[in-house]
């Protein structure tokens, strides 16, 4: 399972979704979907914009957590 860590970056950089939206052009709905784990088709362009804004790598935004086997 892929986990989005965008809220952690918002907190660490003391920024808001509105500030990120204005600086990157990423829509408010896209940011909300990512933050809520609802955007399963995030584009490379969006990831690139987030990495540029936060000056981070993709691994700071996404994390892989293996699924537990039953």
Protein backbone atom coordinates (compact mmCIF):
# COMPACT_ATOMS: atom_id res chain seq x y z
CA UNK A 1 0.00 0.00 0.00
CA UNK A 2 1.26 3.48 -0.86
CA UNK A 3 0.85 6.06 1.89
CA UNK A 4 0.94 9.81 1.21
CA UNK A 5 2.91 11.89 3.72
CA UNK A 6 1.86 15.33 2.51
CA UNK A 7 0.43 16.39 5.89
CA UNK A 8 3.83 15.72 7.46
CA UNK A 9 5.43 18.09 4.94
CA UNK A 10 2.79 20.76 5.56
CA UNK A 11 3.51 20.55 9.28
CA UNK A 12 7.30 20.46 8.87
CA UNK A 13 7.33 23.47 6.52
CA UNK A 14 4.61 25.31 8.42
CA UNK A 15 2.59 25.87 5.27
CA UNK A 16 -1.02 25.51 4.24
CA UNK A 17 -2.78 23.87 1.33
CA UNK A 18 -3.69 27.35 0.08
CA UNK A 19 -0.05 28.44 0.03
CA UNK A 20 0.97 25.26 -1.80
CA UNK A 21 -1.90 25.69 -4.26
CA UNK A 22 -0.95 29.29 -5.05
CA UNK A 23 2.75 28.48 -5.45
CA UNK A 24 2.39 25.30 -7.51
CA UNK A 25 -0.88 25.62 -9.40
CA UNK A 26 -2.04 22.26 -8.05
CA UNK A 27 -5.79 22.44 -7.53
CA UNK A 28 -7.27 22.48 -4.05
CA UNK A 29 -9.24 19.32 -4.82
CA UNK A 30 -6.10 17.46 -5.93
CA UNK A 31 -4.25 18.48 -2.77
CA UNK A 32 -7.23 17.43 -0.66
CA UNK A 33 -7.45 14.06 -2.41
CA UNK A 34 -3.74 13.43 -1.89
CA UNK A 35 -3.90 14.44 1.77
CA UNK A 36 -6.87 12.12 2.30
CA UNK A 37 -5.29 9.24 0.38
CA UNK A 38 -8.04 9.35 -2.26
CA UNK A 39 -5.92 10.25 -5.30
CA UNK A 40 -4.58 6.98 -6.60
CA UNK A 41 -3.60 8.43 -9.98
CA UNK A 42 -1.27 11.23 -8.96
CA UNK A 43 0.68 12.49 -11.95
CA UNK A 44 4.44 12.74 -12.23
CA UNK A 45 3.94 16.44 -12.97
CA UNK A 46 2.13 16.91 -9.65
CA UNK A 47 4.81 14.97 -7.76
CA UNK A 48 7.47 17.09 -9.46
CA UNK A 49 5.73 20.32 -8.41
CA UNK A 50 5.44 19.11 -4.81
CA UNK A 51 9.10 18.05 -4.73
CA UNK A 52 10.14 21.46 -6.07
CA UNK A 53 7.95 23.33 -3.58
CA UNK A 54 9.12 21.36 -0.55
CA UNK A 55 12.67 20.85 -1.90
CA UNK A 56 12.40 17.15 -1.20
CA UNK A 57 12.52 13.74 -2.85
CA UNK A 58 9.52 11.65 -3.85
CA UNK A 59 10.17 9.42 -0.83
CA UNK A 60 9.31 12.39 1.39
CA UNK A 61 5.84 12.45 -0.18
CA UNK A 62 5.16 8.74 -0.71
CA UNK A 63 5.89 5.71 1.42
CA UNK A 64 5.39 2.04 0.68
CA UNK A 65 3.88 -0.09 3.44
CA UNK A 66 3.61 -3.80 2.66
CA UNK A 67 0.14 -5.27 3.02
CA UNK A 68 -0.27 -7.69 5.89
CA UNK A 69 -0.99 -11.26 4.79
CA UNK A 70 -3.89 -12.99 6.46
